[in-house]
Amino acid sequence: HSYGGTEWLHAYISSPDIQKNMRFSKVILLGTPVDETFGERTKFT
């Protein structure tokens, strides 16, 4: 949930050993901010 998902993304992407040794079958992110630059009026492109 929330920053918990952000933490998982950073932990996984920055850890070659975790990428090599562990498989993540299903990852459910709930309200996870990935880029905090933009506000709610910005539409994705």
ModelCIF file with pLDDT and N, C-alpha, C, O atoms, coordinates in Angstrom:
data_MODEL
#
_entry.id   MODEL 
#
_entity.id                         1 
_entity.type                       polymer 
_entity.pdbx_number_of_molecules   1 
#
_entity_poly.entity_id                      1 
_entity_poly.type                           'polypeptide(L)' 
_entity_poly.nstd_linkage                   no 
_entity_poly.nstd_monomer                   no 
_entity_poly.pdbx_seq_one_letter_code       HSYGGTEWLHAYISSPDIQKNMRFSKVILLGTPVDETFGERTKFT 
_entity_poly.pdbx_seq_one_letter_code_can   HSYGGTEWLHAYISSPDIQKNMRFSKVILLGTPVDETFGERTKFT 
_entity_poly.pdbx_strand_id                 A 
#
loop_
_entity_poly_seq.entity_id 
_entity_poly_seq.num 
_entity_poly_seq.mon_id 
_entity_poly_seq.hetero 
1 1  HIS n 
1 2  SER n 
1 3  TYR n 
1 4  GLY n 
1 5  GLY n 
1 6  THR n 
1 7  GLU n 
1 8  TRP n 
1 9  LEU n 
1 10 HIS n 
1 11 ALA n 
1 12 TYR n 
1 13 ILE n 
1 14 SER n 
1 15 SER n 
1 16 PRO n 
1 17 ASP n 
1 18 ILE n 
1 19 GLN n 
1 20 LYS n 
1 21 ASN n 
1 22 MET n 
1 23 ARG n 
1 24 PHE n 
1 25 SER n 
1 26 LYS n 
1 27 VAL n 
1 28 ILE n 
1 29 LEU n 
1 30 LEU n 
1 31 GLY n 
1 32 THR n 
1 33 PRO n 
1 34 VAL n 
1 35 ASP n 
1 36 GLU n 
1 37 THR n 
1 38 PHE n 
1 39 GLY n 
1 40 GLU n 
1 41 ARG n 
1 42 THR n 
1 43 LYS n 
1 44 PHE n 
1 45 THR n 
#
_struct_asym.id          A 
_struct_asym.entity_id   1 
#
loop_
_ma_qa_metric.id 
_ma_qa_metric.mode 
_ma_qa_metric.name 
_ma_qa_metric.software_group_id 
_ma_qa_metric.type 
1 global pLDDT . pLDDT 
2 local  pLDDT . pLDDT 
#
_ma_qa_metric_global.metric_id      1 
_ma_qa_metric_global.metric_value   97.09 
_ma_qa_metric_global.model_id       1 
_ma_qa_metric_global.ordinal_id     1 
#
loop_
_ma_qa_metric_local.label_asym_id 
_ma_qa_metric_local.label_comp_id 
_ma_qa_metric_local.label_seq_id 
_ma_qa_metric_local.metric_id 
_ma_qa_metric_local.metric_value 
_ma_qa_metric_local.model_id 
_ma_qa_metric_local.ordinal_id 
A HIS 1  2 98.00 1 1  
A SER 2  2 98.00 1 2  
A TYR 3  2 98.00 1 3  
A GLY 4  2 98.00 1 4  
A GLY 5  2 98.00 1 5  
A THR 6  2 98.00 1 6  
A GLU 7  2 98.00 1 7  
A TRP 8  2 98.00 1 8  
A LEU 9  2 98.00 1 9  
A HIS 10 2 98.00 1 10 
A ALA 11 2 98.00 1 11 
A TYR 12 2 97.00 1 12 
A ILE 13 2 97.00 1 13 
A SER 14 2 96.00 1 14 
A SER 15 2 96.00 1 15 
A PRO 16 2 95.00 1 16 
A ASP 17 2 96.00 1 17 
A ILE 18 2 97.00 1 18 
A GLN 19 2 96.00 1 19 
A LYS 20 2 95.00 1 20 
A ASN 21 2 96.00 1 21 
A MET 22 2 98.00 1 22 
A ARG 23 2 98.00 1 23 
A PHE 24 2 98.00 1 24 
A SER 25 2 97.00 1 25 
A LYS 26 2 98.00 1 26 
A VAL 27 2 98.00 1 27 
A ILE 28 2 98.00 1 28 
A LEU 29 2 98.00 1 29 
A LEU 30 2 98.00 1 30 
A GLY 31 2 98.00 1 31 
A THR 32 2 98.00 1 32 
A PRO 33 2 98.00 1 33 
A VAL 34 2 98.00 1 34 
A ASP 35 2 98.00 1 35 
A GLU 36 2 98.00 1 36 
A THR 37 2 97.00 1 37 
A PHE 38 2 97.00 1 38 
A GLY 39 2 96.00 1 39 
A GLU 40 2 95.00 1 40 
A ARG 41 2 94.00 1 41 
A THR 42 2 96.00 1 42 
A LYS 43 2 95.00 1 43 
A PHE 44 2 96.00 1 44 
A THR 45 2 95.00 1 45 
#
loop_
_atom_site.group_PDB 
_atom_site.id 
_atom_site.type_symbol 
_atom_site.label_atom_id 
_atom_site.label_alt_id 
_atom_site.label_comp_id 
_atom_site.label_asym_id 
_atom_site.label_entity_id 
_atom_site.label_seq_id 
_atom_site.pdbx_PDB_ins_code 
_atom_site.Cartn_x 
_atom_site.Cartn_y 
_atom_site.Cartn_z 
_atom_site.occupancy 
_atom_site.B_iso_or_equiv 
_atom_site.pdbx_formal_charge 
_atom_site.auth_seq_id 
_atom_site.auth_comp_id 
_atom_site.auth_asym_id 
_atom_site.auth_atom_id 
_atom_site.pdbx_PDB_model_num 
ATOM 1   N N  . HIS A 1 1  ? 0.828  -1.196  0.000   1.00 98.00 ? 1  HIS A N  1 
ATOM 2   C CA . HIS A 1 1  ? 0.000  0.000   0.000   1.00 98.00 ? 1  HIS A CA 1 
ATOM 3   C C  . HIS A 1 1  ? 0.869  1.254   0.000   1.00 98.00 ? 1  HIS A C  1 
ATOM 4   O O  . HIS A 1 1  ? 1.833  1.351   0.759   1.00 98.00 ? 1  HIS A O  1 
ATOM 5   N N  . SER A 1 2  ? 0.519  2.214   -0.859  1.00 98.00 ? 2  SER A N  1 
ATOM 6   C CA . SER A 1 2  ? 1.132  3.539   -0.852  1.00 98.00 ? 2  SER A CA 1 
ATOM 7   C C  . SER A 1 2  ? 2.662  3.469   -0.969  1.00 98.00 ? 2  SER A C  1 
ATOM 8   O O  . SER A 1 2  ? 3.187  2.849   -1.894  1.00 98.00 ? 2  SER A O  1 
ATOM 9   N N  . TYR A 1 3  ? 3.373  4.109   -0.028  1.00 98.00 ? 3  TYR A N  1 
ATOM 10  C CA . TYR A 1 3  ? 4.834  4.089   -0.074  1.00 98.00 ? 3  TYR A CA 1 
ATOM 11  C C  . TYR A 1 3  ? 5.403  2.668   0.041   1.00 98.00 ? 3  TYR A C  1 
ATOM 12  O O  . TYR A 1 3  ? 6.543  2.426   -0.355  1.00 98.00 ? 3  TYR A O  1 
ATOM 13  N N  . GLY A 1 4  ? 4.616  1.731   0.580   1.00 98.00 ? 4  GLY A N  1 
ATOM 14  C CA . GLY A 1 4  ? 5.080  0.355   0.625   1.00 98.00 ? 4  GLY A CA 1 
ATOM 15  C C  . GLY A 1 4  ? 5.375  -0.177  -0.767  1.00 98.00 ? 4  GLY A C  1 
ATOM 16  O O  . GLY A 1 4  ? 6.350  -0.899  -0.972  1.00 98.00 ? 4  GLY A O  1 
ATOM 17  N N  . GLY A 1 5  ? 4.515  0.188   -1.735  1.00 98.00 ? 5  GLY A N  1 
ATOM 18  C CA . GLY A 1 5  ? 4.748  -0.203  -3.119  1.00 98.00 ? 5  GLY A CA 1 
ATOM 19  C C  . GLY A 1 5  ? 5.935  0.510   -3.720  1.00 98.00 ? 5  GLY A C  1 
ATOM 20  O O  . GLY A 1 5  ? 6.707  -0.080  -4.475  1.00 98.00 ? 5  GLY A O  1 
ATOM 21  N N  . THR A 1 6  ? 6.084  1.782   -3.386  1.00 98.00 ? 6  THR A N  1 
ATOM 22  C CA . THR A 1 6  ? 7.237  2.547   -3.860  1.00 98.00 ? 6  THR A CA 1 
ATOM 23  C C  . THR A 1 6  ? 8.525  1.921   -3.352  1.00 98.00 ? 6  THR A C  1 
ATOM 24  O O  . THR A 1 6  ? 9.504  1.810   -4.089  1.00 98.00 ? 6  THR A O  1 
ATOM 25  N N  . GLU A 1 7  ? 8.516  1.520   -2.107  1.00 98.00 ? 7  GLU A N  1 
ATOM 26  C CA . GLU A 1 7  ? 9.694  0.879   -1.504  1.00 98.00 ? 7  GLU A CA 1 
ATOM 27  C C  . GLU A 1 7  ? 10.010 -0.435  -2.205  1.00 98.00 ? 7  GLU A C  1 
ATOM 28  O O  . GLU A 1 7  ? 11.173 -0.738  -2.470  1.00 98.00 ? 7  GLU A O  1 
ATOM 29  N N  . TRP A 1 8  ? 8.973  -1.217  -2.506  1.00 98.00 ? 8  TRP A N  1 
ATOM 30  C CA . TRP A 1 8  ? 9.224  -2.497  -3.173  1.00 98.00 ? 8  TRP A CA 1 
ATOM 31  C C  . TRP A 1 8  ? 9.829  -2.284  -4.557  1.00 98.00 ? 8  TRP A C  1 
ATOM 32  O O  . TRP A 1 8  ? 10.769 -2.980  -4.940  1.00 98.00 ? 8  TRP A O  1 
ATOM 33  N N  . LEU A 1 9  ? 9.293  -1.327  -5.304  1.00 98.00 ? 9  LEU A N  1 
ATOM 34  C CA . LEU A 1 9  ? 9.827  -1.047  -6.638  1.00 98.00 ? 9  LEU A CA 1 
ATOM 35  C C  . LEU A 1 9  ? 11.300 -0.668  -6.567  1.00 98.00 ? 9  LEU A C  1 
ATOM 36  O O  . LEU A 1 9  ? 12.115 -1.193  -7.326  1.00 98.00 ? 9  LEU A O  1 
ATOM 37  N N  . HIS A 1 10 ? 11.647 0.245   -5.655  1.00 98.00 ? 10 HIS A N  1 
ATOM 38  C CA . HIS A 1 10 ? 13.041 0.669   -5.526  1.00 98.00 ? 10 HIS A CA 1 
ATOM 39  C C  . HIS A 1 10 ? 13.923 -0.484  -5.062  1.00 98.00 ? 10 HIS A C  1 
ATOM 40  O O  . HIS A 1 10 ? 15.032 -0.664  -5.565  1.00 98.00 ? 10 HIS A O  1 
ATOM 41  N N  . ALA A 1 11 ? 13.430 -1.268  -4.099  1.00 98.00 ? 11 ALA A N  1 
ATOM 42  C CA . ALA A 1 11 ? 14.219 -2.388  -3.582  1.00 98.00 ? 11 ALA A CA 1 
ATOM 43  C C  . ALA A 1 11 ? 14.488 -3.409  -4.676  1.00 98.00 ? 11 ALA A C  1 
ATOM 44  O O  . ALA A 1 11 ? 15.601 -3.921  -4.794  1.00 98.00 ? 11 ALA A O  1 
ATOM 45  N N  . TYR A 1 12 ? 13.477 -3.703  -5.472  1.00 97.00 ? 12 TYR A N  1 
ATOM 46  C CA . TYR A 1 12 ? 13.643 -4.703  -6.521  1.00 97.00 ? 12 TYR A CA 1 
ATOM 47  C C  . TYR A 1 12 ? 14.555 -4.199  -7.642  1.00 97.00 ? 12 TYR A C  1 
ATOM 48  O O  . TYR A 1 12 ? 15.499 -4.882  -8.042  1.00 97.00 ? 12 TYR A O  1 
ATOM 49  N N  . ILE A 1 13 ? 14.265 -3.009  -8.138  1.00 97.00 ? 13 ILE A N  1 
ATOM 50  C CA . ILE A 1 13 ? 14.990 -2.499  -9.299  1.00 97.00 ? 13 ILE A CA 1 
ATOM 51  C C  . ILE A 1 13 ? 16.461 -2.247  -8.984  1.00 97.00 ? 13 ILE A C  1 
ATOM 52  O O  . ILE A 1 13 ? 17.302 -2.319  -9.879  1.00 97.00 ? 13 ILE A O  1 
ATOM 53  N N  . SER A 1 14 ? 16.785 -1.951  -7.720  1.00 96.00 ? 14 SER A N  1 
ATOM 54  C CA . SER A 1 14 ? 18.176 -1.648  -7.358  1.00 96.00 ? 14 SER A CA 1 
ATOM 55  C C  . SER A 1 14 ? 18.946 -2.865  -6.846  1.00 96.00 ? 14 SER A C  1 
ATOM 56  O O  . SER A 1 14 ? 20.099 -2.729  -6.435  1.00 96.00 ? 14 SER A O  1 
ATOM 57  N N  . SER A 1 15 ? 18.330 -4.060  -6.863  1.00 96.00 ? 15 SER A N  1 
ATOM 58  C CA . SER A 1 15 ? 18.964 -5.234  -6.252  1.00 96.00 ? 15 SER A CA 1 
ATOM 59  C C  . SER A 1 15 ? 19.111 -6.374  -7.262  1.00 96.00 ? 15 SER A C  1 
ATOM 60  O O  . SER A 1 15 ? 18.182 -7.167  -7.417  1.00 96.00 ? 15 SER A O  1 
ATOM 61  N N  . PRO A 1 16 ? 20.242 -6.479  -7.946  1.00 95.00 ? 16 PRO A N  1 
ATOM 62  C CA . PRO A 1 16 ? 20.446 -7.574  -8.908  1.00 95.00 ? 16 PRO A CA 1 
ATOM 63  C C  . PRO A 1 16 ? 20.308 -8.950  -8.277  1.00 95.00 ? 16 PRO A C  1 
ATOM 64  O O  . PRO A 1 16 ? 19.838 -9.882  -8.930  1.00 95.00 ? 16 PRO A O  1 
ATOM 65  N N  . ASP A 1 17 ? 20.711 -9.097  -7.009  1.00 96.00 ? 17 ASP A N  1 
ATOM 66  C CA . ASP A 1 17 ? 20.613 -10.411 -6.365  1.00 96.00 ? 17 ASP A CA 1 
ATOM 67  C C  . ASP A 1 17 ? 19.166 -10.815 -6.140  1.00 96.00 ? 17 ASP A C  1 
ATOM 68  O O  . ASP A 1 17 ? 18.819 -11.986 -6.294  1.00 96.00 ? 17 ASP A O  1 
ATOM 69  N N  . ILE A 1 18 ? 18.318 -9.860  -5.778  1.00 97.00 ? 18 ILE A N  1 
ATOM 70  C CA . ILE A 1 18 ? 16.901 -10.178 -5.602  1.00 97.00 ? 18 ILE A CA 1 
ATOM 71  C C  . ILE A 1 18 ? 16.264 -10.512 -6.947  1.00 97.00 ? 18 ILE A C  1 
ATOM 72  O O  . ILE A 1 18 ? 15.459 -11.439 -7.041  1.00 97.00 ? 18 ILE A O  1 
ATOM 73  N N  . GLN A 1 19 ? 16.617 -9.770  -7.974  1.00 96.00 ? 19 GLN A N  1 
ATOM 74  C CA . GLN A 1 19 ? 16.112 -10.062 -9.318  1.00 96.00 ? 19 GLN A CA 1 
ATOM 75  C C  . GLN A 1 19 ? 16.504 -11.468 -9.762  1.00 96.00 ? 19 GLN A C  1 
ATOM 76  O O  . GLN A 1 19 ? 15.722 -12.161 -10.413 1.00 96.00 ? 19 GLN A O  1 
ATOM 77  N N  . LYS A 1 20 ? 17.704 -11.880 -9.413  1.00 95.00 ? 20 LYS A N  1 
ATOM 78  C CA . LYS A 1 20 ? 18.209 -13.192 -9.830  1.00 95.00 ? 20 LYS A CA 1 
ATOM 79  C C  . LYS A 1 20 ? 17.639 -14.330 -8.996  1.00 95.00 ? 20 LYS A C  1 
ATOM 80  O O  . LYS A 1 20 ? 17.341 -15.400 -9.526  1.00 95.00 ? 20 LYS A O  1 
ATOM 81  N N  . ASN A 1 21 ? 17.487 -14.106 -7.698  1.00 96.00 ? 21 ASN A N  1 
ATOM 82  C CA . ASN A 1 21 ? 17.185 -15.211 -6.785  1.00 96.00 ? 21 ASN A CA 1 
ATOM 83  C C  . ASN A 1 21 ? 15.711 -15.396 -6.451  1.00 96.00 ? 21 ASN A C  1 
ATOM 84  O O  . ASN A 1 21 ? 15.306 -16.462 -5.986  1.00 96.00 ? 21 ASN A O  1 
ATOM 85  N N  . MET A 1 22 ? 14.902 -14.354 -6.690  1.00 98.00 ? 22 MET A N  1 
ATOM 86  C CA . MET A 1 22 ? 13.501 -14.438 -6.285  1.00 98.00 ? 22 MET A CA 1 
ATOM 87  C C  . MET A 1 22 ? 12.570 -14.145 -7.454  1.00 98.00 ? 22 MET A C  1 
ATOM 88  O O  . MET A 1 22 ? 12.831 -13.263 -8.274  1.00 98.00 ? 22 MET A O  1 
ATOM 89  N N  . ARG A 1 23 ? 11.489 -14.897 -7.512  1.00 98.00 ? 23 ARG A N  1 
ATOM 90  C CA . ARG A 1 23 ? 10.439 -14.649 -8.496  1.00 98.00 ? 23 ARG A CA 1 
ATOM 91  C C  . ARG A 1 23 ? 9.235  -14.052 -7.763  1.00 98.00 ? 23 ARG A C  1 
ATOM 92  O O  . ARG A 1 23 ? 8.866  -14.509 -6.681  1.00 98.00 ? 23 ARG A O  1 
ATOM 93  N N  . PHE A 1 24 ? 8.640  -13.043 -8.356  1.00 98.00 ? 24 PHE A N  1 
ATOM 94  C CA . PHE A 1 24 ? 7.465  -12.407 -7.774  1.00 98.00 ? 24 PHE A CA 1 
ATOM 95  C C  . PHE A 1 24 ? 6.274  -12.701 -8.692  1.00 98.00 ? 24 PHE A C  1 
ATOM 96  O O  . PHE A 1 24 ? 6.079  -12.049 -9.717  1.00 98.00 ? 24 PHE A O  1 
ATOM 97  N N  . SER A 1 25 ? 5.498  -13.688 -8.296  1.00 97.00 ? 25 SER A N  1 
ATOM 98  C CA . SER A 1 25 ? 4.413  -14.156 -9.170  1.00 97.00 ? 25 SER A CA 1 
ATOM 99  C C  . SER A 1 25 ? 3.372  -13.074 -9.403  1.00 97.00 ? 25 SER A C  1 
ATOM 100 O O  . SER A 1 25 ? 3.002  -12.788 -10.541 1.00 97.00 ? 25 SER A O  1 
ATOM 101 N N  . LYS A 1 26 ? 2.903  -12.472 -8.309  1.00 98.00 ? 26 LYS A N  1 
ATOM 102 C CA . LYS A 1 26 ? 1.868  -11.441 -8.416  1.00 98.00 ? 26 LYS A CA 1 
ATOM 103 C C  . LYS A 1 26 ? 2.192  -10.307 -7.455  1.00 98.00 ? 26 LYS A C  1 
ATOM 104 O O  . LYS A 1 26 ? 2.429  -10.529 -6.268  1.00 98.00 ? 26 LYS A O  1 
ATOM 105 N N  . VAL A 1 27 ? 2.198  -9.092  -7.982  1.00 98.00 ? 27 VAL A N  1 
ATOM 106 C CA . VAL A 1 27 ? 2.477  -7.905  -7.182  1.00 98.00 ? 27 VAL A CA 1 
ATOM 107 C C  . VAL A 1 27 ? 1.280  -6.965  -7.302  1.00 98.00 ? 27 VAL A C  1 
ATOM 108 O O  . VAL A 1 27 ? 0.966  -6.489  -8.393  1.00 98.00 ? 27 VAL A O  1 
ATOM 109 N N  . ILE A 1 28 ? 0.620  -6.703  -6.186  1.00 98.00 ? 28 ILE A N  1 
ATOM 110 C CA . ILE A 1 28 ? -0.536 -5.811  -6.164  1.00 98.00 ? 28 ILE A CA 1 
ATOM 111 C C  . ILE A 1 28 ? -0.140 -4.517  -5.468  1.00 98.00 ? 28 ILE A C  1 
ATOM 112 O O  . ILE A 1 28 ? 0.185  -4.518  -4.280  1.00 98.00 ? 28 ILE A O  1 
ATOM 113 N N  . LEU A 1 29 ? -0.168 -3.421  -6.205  1.00 98.00 ? 29 LEU A N  1 
ATOM 114 C CA . LEU A 1 29 ? 0.166  -2.100  -5.672  1.00 98.00 ? 29 LEU A CA 1 
ATOM 115 C C  . LEU A 1 29 ? -1.124 -1.323  -5.449  1.00 98.00 ? 29 LEU A C  1 
ATOM 116 O O  . LEU A 1 29 ? -1.957 -1.217  -6.349  1.00 98.00 ? 29 LEU A O  1 
ATOM 117 N N  . LEU A 1 30 ? -1.282 -0.786  -4.257  1.00 98.00 ? 30 LEU A N  1 
ATOM 118 C CA . LEU A 1 30 ? -2.507 -0.076  -3.885  1.00 98.00 ? 30 LEU A CA 1 
ATOM 119 C C  . LEU A 1 30 ? -2.195 1.399   -3.636  1.00 98.00 ? 30 LEU A C  1 
ATOM 120 O O  . LEU A 1 30 ? -1.612 1.741   -2.607  1.00 98.00 ? 30 LEU A O  1 
ATOM 121 N N  . GLY A 1 31 ? -2.576 2.268   -4.561  1.00 98.00 ? 31 GLY A N  1 
ATOM 122 C CA . GLY A 1 31 ? -2.334 3.697   -4.371  1.00 98.00 ? 31 GLY A CA 1 
ATOM 123 C C  . GLY A 1 31 ? -0.869 4.025   -4.212  1.00 98.00 ? 31 GLY A C  1 
ATOM 124 O O  . GLY A 1 31 ? -0.490 4.771   -3.309  1.00 98.00 ? 31 GLY A O  1 
ATOM 125 N N  . THR A 1 32 ? -0.040 3.474   -5.081  1.00 98.00 ? 32 THR A N  1 
ATOM 126 C CA . THR A 1 32 ? 1.418  3.634   -4.966  1.00 98.00 ? 32 THR A CA 1 
ATOM 127 C C  . THR A 1 32 ? 1.939  4.788   -5.810  1.00 98.00 ? 32 THR A C  1 
ATOM 128 O O  . THR A 1 32 ? 1.801  4.760   -7.033  1.00 98.00 ? 32 THR A O  1 
ATOM 129 N N  . PRO A 1 33 ? 2.536  5.804   -5.188  1.00 98.00 ? 33 PRO A N  1 
ATOM 130 C CA . PRO A 1 33 ? 3.156  6.874   -5.982  1.00 98.00 ? 33 PRO A CA 1 
ATOM 131 C C  . PRO A 1 33 ? 4.497  6.421   -6.532  1.00 98.00 ? 33 PRO A C  1 
ATOM 132 O O  . PRO A 1 33 ? 5.330  5.888   -5.799  1.00 98.00 ? 33 PRO A O  1 
ATOM 133 N N  . VAL A 1 34 ? 4.703  6.636   -7.831  1.00 98.00 ? 34 VAL A N  1 
ATOM 134 C CA . VAL A 1 34 ? 5.956  6.245   -8.480  1.00 98.00 ? 34 VAL A CA 1 
ATOM 135 C C  . VAL A 1 34 ? 6.768  7.479   -8.852  1.00 98.00 ? 34 VAL A C  1 
ATOM 136 O O  . VAL A 1 34 ? 7.995  7.478   -8.756  1.00 98.00 ? 34 VAL A O  1 
ATOM 137 N N  . ASP A 1 35 ? 6.077  8.525   -9.276  1.00 98.00 ? 35 ASP A N  1 
ATOM 138 C CA . ASP A 1 35 ? 6.704  9.812   -9.586  1.00 98.00 ? 35 ASP A CA 1 
ATOM 139 C C  . ASP A 1 35 ? 5.845  10.901  -8.956  1.00 98.00 ? 35 ASP A C  1 
ATOM 140 O O  . ASP A 1 35 ? 4.686  11.073  -9.333  1.00 98.00 ? 35 ASP A O  1 
ATOM 141 N N  . GLU A 1 36 ? 6.406  11.638  -7.995  1.00 98.00 ? 36 GLU A N  1 
ATOM 142 C CA . GLU A 1 36 ? 5.628  12.623  -7.252  1.00 98.00 ? 36 GLU A CA 1 
ATOM 143 C C  . GLU A 1 36 ? 5.772  14.037  -7.810  1.00 98.00 ? 36 GLU A C  1 
ATOM 144 O O  . GLU A 1 36 ? 5.514  15.017  -7.111  1.00 98.00 ? 36 GLU A O  1 
ATOM 145 N N  . THR A 1 37 ? 6.181  14.137  -9.063  1.00 97.00 ? 37 THR A N  1 
ATOM 146 C CA . THR A 1 37 ? 6.328  15.454  -9.693  1.00 97.00 ? 37 THR A CA 1 
ATOM 147 C C  . THR A 1 37 ? 4.978  16.096  -9.970  1.00 97.00 ? 37 THR A C  1 
ATOM 148 O O  . THR A 1 37 ? 4.812  17.303  -9.793  1.00 97.00 ? 37 THR A O  1 
ATOM 149 N N  . PHE A 1 38 ? 4.018  15.296  -10.402 1.00 97.00 ? 38 PHE A N  1 
ATOM 150 C CA . PHE A 1 38 ? 2.807  15.827  -11.013 1.00 97.00 ? 38 PHE A CA 1 
ATOM 151 C C  . PHE A 1 38 ? 1.595  15.751  -10.088 1.00 97.00 ? 38 PHE A C  1 
ATOM 152 O O  . PHE A 1 38 ? 1.537  14.920  -9.182  1.00 97.00 ? 38 PHE A O  1 
ATOM 153 N N  . GLY A 1 39 ? 0.625  16.641  -10.336 1.00 96.00 ? 39 GLY A N  1 
ATOM 154 C CA . GLY A 1 39 ? -0.605 16.688  -9.561  1.00 96.00 ? 39 GLY A CA 1 
ATOM 155 C C  . GLY A 1 39 ? -1.759 16.043  -10.295 1.00 96.00 ? 39 GLY A C  1 
ATOM 156 O O  . GLY A 1 39 ? -1.585 15.535  -11.403 1.00 96.00 ? 39 GLY A O  1 
ATOM 157 N N  . GLU A 1 40 ? -2.932 16.058  -9.693  1.00 95.00 ? 40 GLU A N  1 
ATOM 158 C CA . GLU A 1 40 ? -4.068 15.309  -10.215 1.00 95.00 ? 40 GLU A CA 1 
ATOM 159 C C  . GLU A 1 40 ? -4.607 15.852  -11.538 1.00 95.00 ? 40 GLU A C  1 
ATOM 160 O O  . GLU A 1 40 ? -5.331 15.141  -12.234 1.00 95.00 ? 40 GLU A O  1 
ATOM 161 N N  . ARG A 1 41 ? -4.278 17.073  -11.899 1.00 94.00 ? 41 ARG A N  1 
ATOM 162 C CA . ARG A 1 41 ? -4.775 17.621  -13.153 1.00 94.00 ? 41 ARG A CA 1 
ATOM 163 C C  . ARG A 1 41 ? -3.939 17.205  -14.353 1.00 94.00 ? 41 ARG A C  1 
ATOM 164 O O  . ARG A 1 41 ? -4.321 17.453  -15.497 1.00 94.00 ? 41 ARG A O  1 
ATOM 165 N N  . THR A 1 42 ? -2.810 16.577  -14.096 1.00 96.00 ? 42 THR A N  1 
ATOM 166 C CA . THR A 1 42 ? -1.938 16.139  -15.188 1.00 96.00 ? 42 THR A CA 1 
ATOM 167 C C  . THR A 1 42 ? -2.402 14.788  -15.718 1.00 96.00 ? 42 THR A C  1 
ATOM 168 O O  . THR A 1 42 ? -2.638 13.857  -14.949 1.00 96.00 ? 42 THR A O  1 
ATOM 169 N N  . LYS A 1 43 ? -2.531 14.690  -17.035 1.00 95.00 ? 43 LYS A N  1 
ATOM 170 C CA . LYS A 1 43 ? -2.897 13.431  -17.669 1.00 95.00 ? 43 LYS A CA 1 
ATOM 171 C C  . LYS A 1 43 ? -1.655 12.753  -18.224 1.00 95.00 ? 43 LYS A C  1 
ATOM 172 O O  . LYS A 1 43 ? -0.729 13.408  -18.702 1.00 95.00 ? 43 LYS A O  1 
ATOM 173 N N  . PHE A 1 44 ? -1.655 11.429  -18.151 1.00 96.00 ? 44 PHE A N  1 
ATOM 174 C CA . PHE A 1 44 ? -0.487 10.673  -18.571 1.00 96.00 ? 44 PHE A CA 1 
ATOM 175 C C  . PHE A 1 44 ? -0.285 10.757  -20.085 1.00 96.00 ? 44 PHE A C  1 
ATOM 176 O O  . PHE A 1 44 ? -1.233 10.643  -20.861 1.00 96.00 ? 44 PHE A O  1 
ATOM 177 N N  . THR A 1 45 ? 0.967  10.957  -20.482 1.00 95.00 ? 45 THR A N  1 
ATOM 178 C CA . THR A 1 45 ? 1.387  10.824  -21.875 1.00 95.00 ? 45 THR A CA 1 
ATOM 179 C C  . THR A 1 45 ? 2.672  10.011  -21.900 1.00 95.00 ? 45 THR A C  1 
ATOM 180 O O  . THR A 1 45 ? 3.224  9.763   -22.972 1.00 95.00 ? 45 THR A O  1 
#
